[in-house]
């Protein structure tokens, strides 16, 4: 058999696969930036291609359409957040677990601002992620599900004030308070009108305030 028809050596295959993954990563990074800057509806596949100096046809080799690209971004970014929280599940006390989740959430947001803006500050028209890739309420994959299950455990143990009986409501109260400070800092951190304080310190204080305000005793 002619050598030109032989299967390429494994090193060549590995290099091509690495190049393919690098290209996908460039496409995803460019898409995330444009979605945050211009909004999902206003961002086209052609604009994403232009950002990285590719042809639109090249992008379609990796993603069938914009919805597929958004789904991949959601999958990767929300899995990254869940991964940042998963070890906290080993903490036995639900209240301490919630506090540590808040701190880890804060660190993730400040260290991954582009991802955070896409995940929680950009309207994505509720693109659904394939349930075979991400399982709802699995604490290793679903950060919100992890928070709700932790709150439910605290409620069953009588750790929260009597007016809090709905796990989803309390989880959203805690999440909303934390998100508000993080989003405010990300959106307005360069506004000279405000004498901003360190976002990490302020948000850590807010976490303690929310816990003291919701727990029994």
C-alpha atoms as a PDB file:
ATOM      1  CA  UNK A   1       0.000   0.000   0.000  1.00  0.00           C
ATOM      2  CA  UNK A   2       1.261   3.472  -0.820  1.00  0.00           C
ATOM      3  CA  UNK A   3       2.588   5.351   2.189  1.00  0.00           C
ATOM      4  CA  UNK A   4       0.342   8.279   1.250  1.00  0.00           C
ATOM      5  CA  UNK A   5      -2.721   6.128   2.066  1.00  0.00           C
ATOM      6  CA  UNK A   6      -1.571   4.935   5.448  1.00  0.00           C
ATOM      7  CA  UNK A   7      -3.166   6.136   8.675  1.00  0.00           C
ATOM      8  CA  UNK A   8      -1.327   9.216   9.961  1.00  0.00           C
ATOM      9  CA  UNK A   9       0.905   8.552  12.962  1.00  0.00           C
ATOM     10  CA  UNK A  10      -0.617   9.055  16.384  1.00  0.00           C
ATOM     11  CA  UNK A  11       1.465  12.191  16.956  1.00  0.00           C
ATOM     12  CA  UNK A  12      -0.105  13.816  13.913  1.00  0.00           C
ATOM     13  CA  UNK A  13      -3.605  12.868  15.067  1.00  0.00           C
ATOM     14  CA  UNK A  14      -2.933  14.249  18.518  1.00  0.00           C
ATOM     15  CA  UNK A  15      -1.645  17.501  17.066  1.00  0.00           C
ATOM     16  CA  UNK A  16      -4.698  17.905  14.848  1.00  0.00           C
ATOM     17  CA  UNK A  17      -7.012  17.212  17.789  1.00  0.00           C
ATOM     18  CA  UNK A  18      -5.134  19.761  19.913  1.00  0.00           C
ATOM     19  CA  UNK A  19      -5.452  22.357  17.146  1.00  0.00           C
ATOM     20  CA  UNK A  20      -9.163  21.596  16.855  1.00  0.00           C
ATOM     21  CA  UNK A  21      -9.670  22.117  20.609  1.00  0.00           C
ATOM     22  CA  UNK A  22      -7.669  25.356  20.508  1.00  0.00           C
ATOM     23  CA  UNK A  23      -9.846  26.631  17.677  1.00  0.00           C
ATOM     24  CA  UNK A  24     -13.029  25.739  19.578  1.00  0.00           C
ATOM     25  CA  UNK A  25     -11.694  27.562  22.634  1.00  0.00           C
ATOM     26  CA  UNK A  26     -10.958  30.684  20.559  1.00  0.00           C
ATOM     27  CA  UNK A  27     -14.453  30.613  19.094  1.00  0.00           C
ATOM     28  CA  UNK A  28     -16.037  30.212  22.533  1.00  0.00           C
ATOM     29  CA  UNK A  29     -13.964  32.997  24.092  1.00  0.00           C
ATOM     30  CA  UNK A  30     -14.806  35.374  21.241  1.00  0.00           C
ATOM     31  CA  UNK A  31     -18.495  34.489  21.410  1.00  0.00           C
ATOM     32  CA  UNK A  32     -18.626  35.025  25.177  1.00  0.00           C
ATOM     33  CA  UNK A  33     -17.017  38.463  24.838  1.00  0.00           C
ATOM     34  CA  UNK A  34     -19.421  39.550  22.101  1.00  0.00           C
ATOM     35  CA  UNK A  35     -22.488  38.172  23.885  1.00  0.00           C
ATOM     36  CA  UNK A  36     -21.553  40.197  26.970  1.00  0.00           C
ATOM     37  CA  UNK A  37     -20.697  43.352  25.013  1.00  0.00           C
ATOM     38  CA  UNK A  38     -23.511  43.393  22.452  1.00  0.00           C
ATOM     39  CA  UNK A  39     -26.098  40.918  23.685  1.00  0.00           C
ATOM     40  CA  UNK A  40     -26.907  37.494  22.311  1.00  0.00           C
ATOM     41  CA  UNK A  41     -29.570  38.626  19.856  1.00  0.00           C
ATOM     42  CA  UNK A  42     -27.289  41.220  18.244  1.00  0.00           C
ATOM     43  CA  UNK A  43     -24.302  38.875  17.903  1.00  0.00           C
ATOM     44  CA  UNK A  44     -24.071  36.856  14.707  1.00  0.00           C
ATOM     45  CA  UNK A  45     -21.886  33.921  13.801  1.00  0.00           C
ATOM     46  CA  UNK A  46     -20.295  36.188  11.179  1.00  0.00           C
ATOM     47  CA  UNK A  47     -19.360  38.705  13.884  1.00  0.00           C
ATOM     48  CA  UNK A  48     -17.830  35.952  16.004  1.00  0.00           C
ATOM     49  CA  UNK A  49     -15.817  34.753  13.013  1.00  0.00           C
ATOM     50  CA  UNK A  50     -14.609  38.280  12.295  1.00  0.00           C
ATOM     51  CA  UNK A  51     -13.441  38.704  15.907  1.00  0.00           C
ATOM     52  CA  UNK A  52     -10.950  35.848  15.504  1.00  0.00           C
ATOM     53  CA  UNK A  53     -10.323  36.425  11.784  1.00  0.00           C
ATOM     54  CA  UNK A  54     -12.007  33.206  10.669  1.00  0.00           C
ATOM     55  CA  UNK A  55     -14.558  32.645   7.963  1.00  0.00           C
ATOM     56  CA  UNK A  56     -18.127  31.895   9.109  1.00  0.00           C
ATOM     57  CA  UNK A  57     -17.844  28.548   7.331  1.00  0.00           C
ATOM     58  CA  UNK A  58     -14.935  27.573   9.587  1.00  0.00           C
ATOM     59  CA  UNK A  59     -17.041  28.170  12.708  1.00  0.00           C
ATOM     60  CA  UNK A  60     -19.829  25.953  11.383  1.00  0.00           C
ATOM     61  CA  UNK A  61     -17.357  23.068  11.302  1.00  0.00           C
ATOM     62  CA  UNK A  62     -17.335  23.301  15.113  1.00  0.00           C
ATOM     63  CA  UNK A  63     -20.870  24.486  15.979  1.00  0.00           C
ATOM     64  CA  UNK A  64     -23.957  23.840  13.890  1.00  0.00           C
ATOM     65  CA  UNK A  65     -25.542  27.203  14.853  1.00  0.00           C
ATOM     66  CA  UNK A  66     -25.539  29.941  17.480  1.00  0.00           C
ATOM     67  CA  UNK A  67     -27.781  27.939  19.828  1.00  0.00           C
ATOM     68  CA  UNK A  68     -25.250  25.093  19.869  1.00  0.00           C
ATOM     69  CA  UNK A  69     -22.493  27.568  20.665  1.00  0.00           C
ATOM     70  CA  UNK A  70     -24.507  29.096  23.522  1.00  0.00           C
ATOM     71  CA  UNK A  71     -25.318  25.653  24.902  1.00  0.00           C
ATOM     72  CA  UNK A  72     -21.632  24.748  24.951  1.00  0.00           C
ATOM     73  CA  UNK A  73     -20.746  27.979  26.744  1.00  0.00           C
ATOM     74  CA  UNK A  74     -23.455  27.403  29.346  1.00  0.00           C
ATOM     75  CA  UNK A  75     -22.324  23.835  29.874  1.00  0.00           C
ATOM     76  CA  UNK A  76     -18.654  24.758  30.314  1.00  0.00           C
ATOM     77  CA  UNK A  77     -19.184  27.830  32.481  1.00  0.00           C
ATOM     78  CA  UNK A  78     -21.801  26.385  34.817  1.00  0.00           C
ATOM     79  CA  UNK A  79     -19.780  23.201  35.215  1.00  0.00           C
ATOM     80  CA  UNK A  80     -16.775  25.362  36.128  1.00  0.00           C
ATOM     81  CA  UNK A  81     -18.797  27.114  38.847  1.00  0.00           C
ATOM     82  CA  UNK A  82     -20.125  23.813  40.203  1.00  0.00           C
ATOM     83  CA  UNK A  83     -16.588  22.462  40.228  1.00  0.00           C
ATOM     84  CA  UNK A  84     -15.472  25.417  42.340  1.00  0.00           C
ATOM     85  CA  UNK A  85     -18.113  24.544  44.943  1.00  0.00           C
ATOM     86  CA  UNK A  86     -18.156  20.757  45.000  1.00  0.00           C
ATOM     87  CA  UNK A  87     -15.566  20.159  47.740  1.00  0.00           C
ATOM     88  CA  UNK A  88     -17.614  22.306  50.087  1.00  0.00           C
ATOM     89  CA  UNK A  89     -20.165  19.494  50.179  1.00  0.00           C
ATOM     90  CA  UNK A  90     -17.906  17.683  52.642  1.00  0.00           C
ATOM     91  CA  UNK A  91     -18.603  20.322  55.335  1.00  0.00           C
ATOM     92  CA  UNK A  92     -21.156  18.800  57.766  1.00  0.00           C
ATOM     93  CA  UNK A  93     -22.772  22.016  59.062  1.00  0.00           C
ATOM     94  CA  UNK A  94     -25.261  23.422  56.480  1.00  0.00           C
ATOM     95  CA  UNK A  95     -24.822  27.007  57.707  1.00  0.00           C
ATOM     96  CA  UNK A  96     -21.047  26.870  57.396  1.00  0.00           C
ATOM     97  CA  UNK A  97     -21.456  25.163  54.035  1.00  0.00           C
ATOM     98  CA  UNK A  98     -23.615  28.057  52.800  1.00  0.00           C
ATOM     99  CA  UNK A  99     -21.069  30.589  54.050  1.00  0.00           C
ATOM    100  CA  UNK A 100     -18.242  28.773  52.292  1.00  0.00           C
ATOM    101  CA  UNK A 101     -20.312  28.471  49.115  1.00  0.00           C
ATOM    102  CA  UNK A 102     -20.795  32.231  49.156  1.00  0.00           C
ATOM    103  CA  UNK A 103     -17.065  32.820  49.494  1.00  0.00           C
ATOM    104  CA  UNK A 104     -16.267  30.374  46.686  1.00  0.00           C
ATOM    105  CA  UNK A 105     -18.941  31.990  44.486  1.00  0.00           C
ATOM    106  CA  UNK A 106     -17.383  35.398  45.143  1.00  0.00           C
ATOM    107  CA  UNK A 107     -13.896  34.160  44.277  1.00  0.00           C
ATOM    108  CA  UNK A 108     -15.181  32.550  41.074  1.00  0.00           C
ATOM    109  CA  UNK A 109     -16.921  35.770  40.016  1.00  0.00           C
ATOM    110  CA  UNK A 110     -13.917  38.014  40.651  1.00  0.00           C
ATOM    111  CA  UNK A 111     -11.466  35.635  38.998  1.00  0.00           C
ATOM    112  CA  UNK A 112     -13.685  34.846  35.975  1.00  0.00           C
ATOM    113  CA  UNK A 113     -15.514  38.080  35.235  1.00  0.00           C
ATOM    114  CA  UNK A 114     -16.201  37.331  31.585  1.00  0.00           C
ATOM    115  CA  UNK A 115     -17.704  33.980  32.452  1.00  0.00           C
ATOM    116  CA  UNK A 116     -19.749  35.480  35.280  1.00  0.00           C
ATOM    117  CA  UNK A 117     -21.141  38.230  33.068  1.00  0.00           C
ATOM    118  CA  UNK A 118     -22.185  35.692  30.464  1.00  0.00           C
ATOM    119  CA  UNK A 119     -23.733  33.335  33.011  1.00  0.00           C
ATOM    120  CA  UNK A 120     -25.636  35.801  35.195  1.00  0.00           C
ATOM    121  CA  UNK A 121     -25.687  39.202  33.480  1.00  0.00           C
ATOM    122  CA  UNK A 122     -26.528  38.255  29.873  1.00  0.00           C
ATOM    123  CA  UNK A 123     -29.912  37.153  28.533  1.00  0.00           C
ATOM    124  CA  UNK A 124     -29.433  33.866  26.666  1.00  0.00           C
ATOM    125  CA  UNK A 125     -33.106  33.139  25.910  1.00  0.00           C
ATOM    126  CA  UNK A 126     -33.036  30.100  28.206  1.00  0.00           C
ATOM    127  CA  UNK A 127     -31.080  27.722  26.003  1.00  0.00           C
ATOM    128  CA  UNK A 128     -31.534  24.256  27.533  1.00  0.00           C
ATOM    129  CA  UNK A 129     -28.512  22.087  28.180  1.00  0.00           C
ATOM    130  CA  UNK A 130     -28.775  18.429  27.177  1.00  0.00           C
ATOM    131  CA  UNK A 131     -29.669  16.529  30.359  1.00  0.00           C
ATOM    132  CA  UNK A 132     -27.241  13.780  29.368  1.00  0.00           C
ATOM    133  CA  UNK A 133     -24.402  16.291  29.783  1.00  0.00           C
ATOM    134  CA  UNK A 134     -25.547  18.091  32.926  1.00  0.00           C
ATOM    135  CA  UNK A 135     -27.867  16.601  35.513  1.00  0.00           C
ATOM    136  CA  UNK A 136     -30.214  18.965  37.313  1.00  0.00           C
ATOM    137  CA  UNK A 137     -29.811  18.943  41.125  1.00  0.00           C
ATOM    138  CA  UNK A 138     -26.582  16.963  40.907  1.00  0.00           C
ATOM    139  CA  UNK A 139     -24.360  18.950  43.332  1.00  0.00           C
ATOM    140  CA  UNK A 140     -21.271  18.146  41.277  1.00  0.00           C
ATOM    141  CA  UNK A 141     -22.817  19.788  38.201  1.00  0.00           C
ATOM    142  CA  UNK A 142     -25.619  22.102  39.348  1.00  0.00           C
ATOM    143  CA  UNK A 143     -24.517  24.923  41.670  1.00  0.00           C
ATOM    144  CA  UNK A 144     -28.076  26.158  42.270  1.00  0.00           C
ATOM    145  CA  UNK A 145     -29.255  22.641  43.049  1.00  0.00           C
ATOM    146  CA  UNK A 146     -26.384  22.321  45.526  1.00  0.00           C
ATOM    147  CA  UNK A 147     -27.447  25.532  47.271  1.00  0.00           C
ATOM    148  CA  UNK A 148     -31.115  24.483  47.454  1.00  0.00           C
ATOM    149  CA  UNK A 149     -30.291  21.046  48.852  1.00  0.00           C
ATOM    150  CA  UNK A 150     -28.070  22.633  51.500  1.00  0.00           C
ATOM    151  CA  UNK A 151     -30.830  25.067  52.487  1.00  0.00           C
ATOM    152  CA  UNK A 152     -33.325  22.172  52.637  1.00  0.00           C
ATOM    153  CA  UNK A 153     -31.013  20.346  55.023  1.00  0.00           C
ATOM    154  CA  UNK A 154     -30.790  23.438  57.214  1.00  0.00           C
ATOM    155  CA  UNK A 155     -34.563  23.813  57.241  1.00  0.00           C
ATOM    156  CA  UNK A 156     -35.053  20.200  58.292  1.00  0.00           C
ATOM    157  CA  UNK A 157     -32.624  20.731  61.166  1.00  0.00           C
ATOM    158  CA  UNK A 158     -34.457  23.885  62.281  1.00  0.00           C
ATOM    159  CA  UNK A 159     -31.454  26.138  61.702  1.00  0.00           C
ATOM    160  CA  UNK A 160     -33.345  28.995  60.029  1.00  0.00           C
ATOM    161  CA  UNK A 161     -35.925  31.448  61.357  1.00  0.00           C
ATOM    162  CA  UNK A 162     -39.549  30.327  61.339  1.00  0.00           C
ATOM    163  CA  UNK A 163     -40.623  32.604  58.481  1.00  0.00           C
ATOM    164  CA  UNK A 164     -38.311  30.740  56.142  1.00  0.00           C
ATOM    165  CA  UNK A 165     -39.965  27.509  55.049  1.00  0.00           C
ATOM    166  CA  UNK A 166     -39.471  27.530  51.277  1.00  0.00           C
ATOM    167  CA  UNK A 167     -35.997  26.269  50.319  1.00  0.00           C
ATOM    168  CA  UNK A 168     -36.088  27.850  46.875  1.00  0.00           C
ATOM    169  CA  UNK A 169     -37.190  31.214  48.237  1.00  0.00           C
ATOM    170  CA  UNK A 170     -34.434  31.282  50.856  1.00  0.00           C
ATOM    171  CA  UNK A 171     -31.821  30.063  48.354  1.00  0.00           C
ATOM    172  CA  UNK A 172     -32.832  32.831  45.955  1.00  0.00           C
ATOM    173  CA  UNK A 173     -32.701  35.416  48.737  1.00  0.00           C
ATOM    174  CA  UNK A 174     -29.141  34.407  49.618  1.00  0.00           C
ATOM    175  CA  UNK A 175     -28.036  34.123  45.998  1.00  0.00           C
ATOM    176  CA  UNK A 176     -29.695  37.410  45.009  1.00  0.00           C
ATOM    177  CA  UNK A 177     -28.013  39.347  47.799  1.00  0.00           C
ATOM    178  CA  UNK A 178     -24.616  38.003  46.829  1.00  0.00           C
ATOM    179  CA  UNK A 179     -25.174  38.453  43.100  1.00  0.00           C
ATOM    180  CA  UNK A 180     -26.309  42.039  43.566  1.00  0.00           C
ATOM    181  CA  UNK A 181     -23.013  43.123  45.100  1.00  0.00           C
ATOM    182  CA  UNK A 182     -20.907  41.138  42.635  1.00  0.00           C
ATOM    183  CA  UNK A 183     -22.824  42.396  39.589  1.00  0.00           C
ATOM    184  CA  UNK A 184     -22.739  45.988  40.862  1.00  0.00           C
ATOM    185  CA  UNK A 185     -18.974  45.842  41.192  1.00  0.00           C
ATOM    186  CA  UNK A 186     -18.459  44.264  37.774  1.00  0.00           C
ATOM    187  CA  UNK A 187     -20.789  46.717  36.017  1.00  0.00           C
ATOM    188  CA  UNK A 188     -19.785  49.923  37.826  1.00  0.00           C
ATOM    189  CA  UNK A 189     -16.311  49.363  39.285  1.00  0.00           C
ATOM    190  CA  UNK A 190     -14.819  52.127  37.129  1.00  0.00           C
ATOM    191  CA  UNK A 191     -17.461  54.761  38.008  1.00  0.00           C
ATOM    192  CA  UNK A 192     -15.504  57.635  39.654  1.00  0.00           C
ATOM    193  CA  UNK A 193     -18.655  59.053  41.264  1.00  0.00           C
ATOM    194  CA  UNK A 194     -18.709  56.265  43.848  1.00  0.00           C
ATOM    195  CA  UNK A 195     -16.035  55.801  46.513  1.00  0.00           C
ATOM    196  CA  UNK A 196     -15.841  52.057  46.021  1.00  0.00           C
ATOM    197  CA  UNK A 197     -14.620  49.789  48.760  1.00  0.00           C
ATOM    198  CA  UNK A 198     -12.877  46.476  48.192  1.00  0.00           C
ATOM    199  CA  UNK A 199     -15.541  44.149  46.695  1.00  0.00           C
ATOM    200  CA  UNK A 200     -14.141  41.067  48.385  1.00  0.00           C
ATOM    201  CA  UNK A 201     -14.282  42.602  51.851  1.00  0.00           C
ATOM    202  CA  UNK A 202     -17.726  44.129  51.333  1.00  0.00           C
ATOM    203  CA  UNK A 203     -19.211  40.938  49.957  1.00  0.00           C
ATOM    204  CA  UNK A 204     -17.752  38.811  52.749  1.00  0.00           C
ATOM    205  CA  UNK A 205     -19.436  41.122  55.254  1.00  0.00           C
ATOM    206  CA  UNK A 206     -22.704  40.794  53.319  1.00  0.00           C
ATOM    207  CA  UNK A 207     -22.523  37.001  53.462  1.00  0.00           C
ATOM    208  CA  UNK A 208     -22.221  37.135  57.255  1.00  0.00           C
ATOM    209  CA  UNK A 209     -25.083  39.670  57.467  1.00  0.00           C
ATOM    210  CA  UNK A 210     -27.388  37.434  55.394  1.00  0.00           C
ATOM    211  CA  UNK A 211     -26.569  34.372  57.447  1.00  0.00           C
ATOM    212  CA  UNK A 212     -27.146  36.176  60.757  1.00  0.00           C
ATOM    213  CA  UNK A 213     -30.395  37.604  59.417  1.00  0.00           C
ATOM    214  CA  UNK A 214     -31.847  34.261  58.355  1.00  0.00           C
ATOM    215  CA  UNK A 215     -30.652  31.738  60.911  1.00  0.00           C
ATOM    216  CA  UNK A 216     -32.575  30.896  64.063  1.00  0.00           C
ATOM    217  CA  UNK A 217     -31.288  32.372  67.291  1.00  0.00           C
END
